[in-house]
Structure formats: structure tokens, C-alpha cells
Amino acid sequence: MASLNKVILIGRFGKDPEVTTFDNGTRKVSATLATSERYRDHDNNWVEQTDWHNIVVWGNLANDIADHRRNYMKGDLMYIEGKLRTRQYTDQQGIVRYITEVNVDKMMQLAPAKPPQQSSYNQGYSGAPSQPRYEAPAQPDPADPFASSPLPADDLPF
């Protein structure tokens, strides 16, 4: 039987990604990603559970992240795909330790933690449109045949 090792996470960076460059020029990017889940306990109170995931990126994706490090910051909402890997090492006291990491294959920023900073390519960006995109009319338009007879909820086209 075939098996599959695939992880998909959407969460926020817990710290700025750290770049390590090895003697042979290979780069490794490490970060932590927090995912949260909300549920109601037996007393009907909301409880939020946060899990922390160790993220490791290698290869061309690591090079891209390292070269554009300013674009990836603590708090950014990220979409991550990869594989779970568990490795072991011996610490300074001689104790064998295990660590589970997500080796990332694909990564995409969904939302930055902070609004973009002023720069040459976005001069004048204020974080909001200069005019509202849509304003509802104060009174229904008498020329609009649908203004006075809204569709029932079960007739919606979706």
C-alpha cells in the first residue's frame, strides 16, 4: 500500500525567519508557525488552543526567502505545504533529543503582519482606498425593477 506524507498549514510566523548559510553556500531558513483553533468547552466557554510548528525551508525557496527577508516577518499569515520529518540529535549533556519539523515545499504569504512601508514603488499608499468602493443608495431607485422586490433567500443563485 502506498503512503503519503503531506502537511498543509495556515498560520502566523511566531518569529522572523532565520537564515543559516553553510560553508558550501546552501541556505536553510527556519521559523515557527502558530496555528490556532477555537472551540467551546463543556461550560460553553470559548477556548483557544495554539499549536507551534517548526518550519524548515531548503533549496531555491530558501534562497528566495533569504534574498527577500524583509518581506517575511513575525505575525505574517502564511500558507505552507510540506512533509513532516523527525530527526534526532544529542545535546551537550549527552541526551538524545528528537525534533519534528515541516520541510516546506511550497509557501505563500496570505497577509502581512503590518501594512507595507512607504517605498519608491508604493508612494502615497495609505492602507485604504482614497474613495469608498461602493455606497448603498439612501432610497431605492424607482427605475430599478428589483429594488422593491428582493429575491427570497431560497431563490439566491448560489
C-alpha atoms as a PDB file:
ATOM      1  CA  MET A   1       0.000   0.000   0.000  1.00  0.00           C
ATOM      2  CA  ALA A   2       1.281   3.454  -0.886  1.00  0.00           C
ATOM      3  CA  SER A   3       1.666   6.102   1.782  1.00  0.00           C
ATOM      4  CA  LEU A   4       1.543   9.872   1.846  1.00  0.00           C
ATOM      5  CA  ASN A   5       3.397  12.414   3.969  1.00  0.00           C
ATOM      6  CA  LYS A   6       1.788  15.805   3.296  1.00  0.00           C
ATOM      7  CA  VAL A   7       1.225  18.731   5.633  1.00  0.00           C
ATOM      8  CA  ILE A   8      -0.822  21.840   4.857  1.00  0.00           C
ATOM      9  CA  LEU A   9      -0.826  24.628   7.426  1.00  0.00           C
ATOM     10  CA  ILE A  10      -2.227  28.135   7.551  1.00  0.00           C
ATOM     11  CA  GLY A  11      -0.885  30.131  10.460  1.00  0.00           C
ATOM     12  CA  ARG A  12       1.238  33.032  11.588  1.00  0.00           C
ATOM     13  CA  PHE A  13       5.013  33.243  11.912  1.00  0.00           C
ATOM     14  CA  GLY A  14       5.973  33.251  15.597  1.00  0.00           C
ATOM     15  CA  LYS A  15       9.304  34.936  14.851  1.00  0.00           C
ATOM     16  CA  ASP A  16      11.105  36.416  11.887  1.00  0.00           C
ATOM     17  CA  PRO A  17      12.561  33.620   9.734  1.00  0.00           C
ATOM     18  CA  GLU A  18      16.228  32.882  10.493  1.00  0.00           C
ATOM     19  CA  VAL A  19      18.613  32.244   7.601  1.00  0.00           C
ATOM     20  CA  THR A  20      21.623  29.956   8.003  1.00  0.00           C
ATOM     21  CA  THR A  21      24.232  29.794   5.228  1.00  0.00           C
ATOM     22  CA  PHE A  22      26.520  26.762   5.265  1.00  0.00           C
ATOM     23  CA  ASP A  23      30.140  26.593   4.051  1.00  0.00           C
ATOM     24  CA  ASN A  24      29.083  25.134   0.684  1.00  0.00           C
ATOM     25  CA  GLY A  25      26.658  28.057   0.096  1.00  0.00           C
ATOM     26  CA  THR A  26      23.482  26.099   0.877  1.00  0.00           C
ATOM     27  CA  ARG A  27      20.888  28.115   2.757  1.00  0.00           C
ATOM     28  CA  LYS A  28      18.400  26.950   5.347  1.00  0.00           C
ATOM     29  CA  VAL A  29      15.502  29.077   6.588  1.00  0.00           C
ATOM     30  CA  SER A  30      13.971  28.242   9.977  1.00  0.00           C
ATOM     31  CA  ALA A  31      10.852  29.668  11.567  1.00  0.00           C
ATOM     32  CA  THR A  32       7.995  28.759  13.858  1.00  0.00           C
ATOM     33  CA  LEU A  33       4.384  28.827  12.733  1.00  0.00           C
ATOM     34  CA  ALA A  34       1.432  29.120  15.106  1.00  0.00           C
ATOM     35  CA  THR A  35      -1.922  27.602  14.226  1.00  0.00           C
ATOM     36  CA  SER A  36      -4.933  28.243  16.438  1.00  0.00           C
ATOM     37  CA  GLU A  37      -8.246  26.528  16.856  1.00  0.00           C
ATOM     38  CA  ARG A  38     -11.257  27.767  18.806  1.00  0.00           C
ATOM     39  CA  TYR A  39     -13.884  25.555  20.366  1.00  0.00           C
ATOM     40  CA  ARG A  40     -16.409  25.610  23.185  1.00  0.00           C
ATOM     41  CA  ASP A  41     -15.652  23.647  26.349  1.00  0.00           C
ATOM     42  CA  HIS A  42     -18.208  21.728  28.426  1.00  0.00           C
ATOM     43  CA  ASP A  43     -19.210  25.012  30.179  1.00  0.00           C
ATOM     44  CA  ASN A  44     -19.903  26.632  26.779  1.00  0.00           C
ATOM     45  CA  ASN A  45     -16.895  28.988  27.113  1.00  0.00           C
ATOM     46  CA  TRP A  46     -14.674  29.693  24.135  1.00  0.00           C
ATOM     47  CA  VAL A  47     -11.237  28.090  24.401  1.00  0.00           C
ATOM     48  CA  GLU A  48      -8.382  28.829  22.010  1.00  0.00           C
ATOM     49  CA  GLN A  49      -5.720  26.181  21.504  1.00  0.00           C
ATOM     50  CA  THR A  50      -2.496  27.202  19.768  1.00  0.00           C
ATOM     51  CA  ASP A  51      -0.038  24.699  18.319  1.00  0.00           C
ATOM     52  CA  TRP A  52       3.523  25.643  17.353  1.00  0.00           C
ATOM     53  CA  HIS A  53       5.210  24.056  14.350  1.00  0.00           C
ATOM     54  CA  ASN A  54       8.913  24.105  13.457  1.00  0.00           C
ATOM     55  CA  ILE A  55       9.291  25.128   9.813  1.00  0.00           C
ATOM     56  CA  VAL A  56      12.405  24.426   7.707  1.00  0.00           C
ATOM     57  CA  VAL A  57      12.957  25.552   4.111  1.00  0.00           C
ATOM     58  CA  TRP A  58      15.789  24.396   1.829  1.00  0.00           C
ATOM     59  CA  GLY A  59      16.814  24.891  -1.803  1.00  0.00           C
ATOM     60  CA  ASN A  60      15.564  27.565  -4.175  1.00  0.00           C
ATOM     61  CA  LEU A  61      12.662  28.522  -1.930  1.00  0.00           C
ATOM     62  CA  ALA A  62      15.099  29.146   0.939  1.00  0.00           C
ATOM     63  CA  ASN A  63      17.231  31.301  -1.388  1.00  0.00           C
ATOM     64  CA  ASP A  64      14.166  33.338  -2.414  1.00  0.00           C
ATOM     65  CA  ILE A  65      13.129  33.887   1.200  1.00  0.00           C
ATOM     66  CA  ALA A  66      16.672  34.785   2.251  1.00  0.00           C
ATOM     67  CA  ASP A  67      17.022  37.261  -0.624  1.00  0.00           C
ATOM     68  CA  HIS A  68      13.690  38.911   0.240  1.00  0.00           C
ATOM     69  CA  ARG A  69      13.881  38.539   4.013  1.00  0.00           C
ATOM     70  CA  ARG A  70      12.233  41.927   4.669  1.00  0.00           C
ATOM     71  CA  ASN A  71       9.012  40.579   3.120  1.00  0.00           C
ATOM     72  CA  TYR A  72       8.638  37.808   5.714  1.00  0.00           C
ATOM     73  CA  MET A  73       8.101  38.870   9.316  1.00  0.00           C
ATOM     74  CA  LYS A  74       6.753  37.726  12.650  1.00  0.00           C
ATOM     75  CA  GLY A  75       2.961  37.759  12.540  1.00  0.00           C
ATOM     76  CA  ASP A  76       2.608  37.213   8.776  1.00  0.00           C
ATOM     77  CA  LEU A  77      -0.250  34.880   7.835  1.00  0.00           C
ATOM     78  CA  MET A  78       1.277  32.074   5.772  1.00  0.00           C
ATOM     79  CA  TYR A  79       0.101  29.102   3.718  1.00  0.00           C
ATOM     80  CA  ILE A  80       2.605  26.239   3.918  1.00  0.00           C
ATOM     81  CA  GLU A  81       2.806  22.825   2.254  1.00  0.00           C
ATOM     82  CA  GLY A  82       5.456  20.269   3.070  1.00  0.00           C
ATOM     83  CA  LYS A  83       6.404  16.981   4.671  1.00  0.00           C
ATOM     84  CA  LEU A  84       6.821  16.011   8.318  1.00  0.00           C
ATOM     85  CA  ARG A  85      10.319  14.935   9.261  1.00  0.00           C
ATOM     86  CA  THR A  86      11.570  13.780  12.647  1.00  0.00           C
ATOM     87  CA  ARG A  87      15.286  13.858  13.352  1.00  0.00           C
ATOM     88  CA  GLN A  88      17.390  13.175  16.385  1.00  0.00           C
ATOM     89  CA  TYR A  89      20.451  14.791  17.864  1.00  0.00           C
ATOM     90  CA  THR A  90      22.489  14.543  21.056  1.00  0.00           C
ATOM     91  CA  ASP A  91      22.540  17.645  23.249  1.00  0.00           C
ATOM     92  CA  GLN A  92      25.517  18.916  25.277  1.00  0.00           C
ATOM     93  CA  GLN A  93      24.573  16.737  28.258  1.00  0.00           C
ATOM     94  CA  GLY A  94      24.631  13.614  26.052  1.00  0.00           C
ATOM     95  CA  ILE A  95      20.839  13.192  25.987  1.00  0.00           C
ATOM     96  CA  VAL A  96      19.324  12.087  22.679  1.00  0.00           C
ATOM     97  CA  ARG A  97      16.635  14.579  21.615  1.00  0.00           C
ATOM     98  CA  TYR A  98      14.029  14.331  18.876  1.00  0.00           C
ATOM     99  CA  ILE A  99      12.556  17.200  16.891  1.00  0.00           C
ATOM    100  CA  THR A 100       9.716  17.147  14.373  1.00  0.00           C
ATOM    101  CA  GLU A 101       9.800  19.726  11.590  1.00  0.00           C
ATOM    102  CA  VAL A 102       7.811  20.588   8.494  1.00  0.00           C
ATOM    103  CA  ASN A 103      10.149  20.546   5.480  1.00  0.00           C
ATOM    104  CA  VAL A 104       8.461  23.122   3.275  1.00  0.00           C
ATOM    105  CA  ASP A 105       7.859  22.528  -0.442  1.00  0.00           C
ATOM    106  CA  LYS A 106       5.522  25.492  -1.075  1.00  0.00           C
ATOM    107  CA  MET A 107       4.922  28.682   0.848  1.00  0.00           C
ATOM    108  CA  MET A 108       2.772  31.717   0.197  1.00  0.00           C
ATOM    109  CA  GLN A 109       2.166  34.835   2.244  1.00  0.00           C
ATOM    110  CA  LEU A 110      -1.582  35.382   2.675  1.00  0.00           C
ATOM    111  CA  ALA A 111      -1.445  38.607   4.694  1.00  0.00           C
ATOM    112  CA  PRO A 112       1.423  40.666   6.081  1.00  0.00           C
ATOM    113  CA  ALA A 113       1.568  41.383   9.803  1.00  0.00           C
ATOM    114  CA  LYS A 114       1.836  45.133   9.206  1.00  0.00           C
ATOM    115  CA  PRO A 115       0.816  47.433   6.361  1.00  0.00           C
ATOM    116  CA  PRO A 116       3.532  47.957   3.752  1.00  0.00           C
ATOM    117  CA  GLN A 117       6.150  50.608   4.484  1.00  0.00           C
ATOM    118  CA  GLN A 118       6.487  53.658   2.245  1.00  0.00           C
ATOM    119  CA  SER A 119       8.893  52.965  -0.590  1.00  0.00           C
ATOM    120  CA  SER A 120       9.555  54.100  -4.138  1.00  0.00           C
ATOM    121  CA  TYR A 121       7.100  51.629  -5.677  1.00  0.00           C
ATOM    122  CA  ASN A 122       4.143  52.496  -3.460  1.00  0.00           C
ATOM    123  CA  GLN A 123       4.458  56.211  -2.812  1.00  0.00           C
ATOM    124  CA  GLY A 124       1.281  57.625  -1.381  1.00  0.00           C
ATOM    125  CA  TYR A 125      -0.069  54.310  -0.105  1.00  0.00           C
ATOM    126  CA  SER A 126      -2.240  55.000   2.905  1.00  0.00           C
ATOM    127  CA  GLY A 127      -3.501  51.488   3.539  1.00  0.00           C
ATOM    128  CA  ALA A 128      -7.050  52.362   2.456  1.00  0.00           C
ATOM    129  CA  PRO A 129      -8.647  53.343  -0.829  1.00  0.00           C
ATOM    130  CA  SER A 130      -8.956  57.079  -1.386  1.00  0.00           C
ATOM    131  CA  GLN A 131     -12.680  56.737  -2.162  1.00  0.00           C
ATOM    132  CA  PRO A 132     -15.210  54.209  -0.946  1.00  0.00           C
ATOM    133  CA  ARG A 133     -15.650  51.395  -3.458  1.00  0.00           C
ATOM    134  CA  TYR A 134     -19.415  51.219  -3.062  1.00  0.00           C
ATOM    135  CA  GLU A 135     -22.032  53.189  -1.245  1.00  0.00           C
ATOM    136  CA  ALA A 136     -25.581  51.906  -0.949  1.00  0.00           C
ATOM    137  CA  PRO A 137     -28.199  54.372  -2.163  1.00  0.00           C
ATOM    138  CA  ALA A 138     -30.174  56.094   0.568  1.00  0.00           C
ATOM    139  CA  GLN A 139     -33.502  55.401  -1.179  1.00  0.00           C
ATOM    140  CA  PRO A 140     -34.357  52.640  -3.652  1.00  0.00           C
ATOM    141  CA  ASP A 141     -34.218  53.701  -7.279  1.00  0.00           C
ATOM    142  CA  PRO A 142     -37.800  53.675  -8.680  1.00  0.00           C
ATOM    143  CA  ALA A 143     -36.442  52.779 -12.131  1.00  0.00           C
ATOM    144  CA  ASP A 144     -34.833  49.610 -10.743  1.00  0.00           C
ATOM    145  CA  PRO A 145     -37.349  46.727 -11.065  1.00  0.00           C
ATOM    146  CA  PHE A 146     -35.574  44.677  -8.391  1.00  0.00           C
ATOM    147  CA  ALA A 147     -35.319  47.448  -5.796  1.00  0.00           C
ATOM    148  CA  SER A 148     -38.786  46.948  -4.341  1.00  0.00           C
ATOM    149  CA  SER A 149     -38.984  43.163  -4.602  1.00  0.00           C
ATOM    150  CA  PRO A 150     -35.878  41.449  -3.241  1.00  0.00           C
ATOM    151  CA  LEU A 151     -35.449  37.761  -4.027  1.00  0.00           C
ATOM    152  CA  PRO A 152     -36.466  35.342  -1.302  1.00  0.00           C
ATOM    153  CA  ALA A 153     -33.495  33.735   0.456  1.00  0.00           C
ATOM    154  CA  ASP A 154     -34.150  30.321  -1.137  1.00  0.00           C
ATOM    155  CA  ASP A 155     -34.032  31.835  -4.669  1.00  0.00           C
ATOM    156  CA  LEU A 156     -30.451  33.059  -4.385  1.00  0.00           C
ATOM    157  CA  PRO A 157     -28.296  31.842  -7.304  1.00  0.00           C
ATOM    158  CA  PHE A 158     -25.674  30.209  -5.065  1.00  0.00           C
END
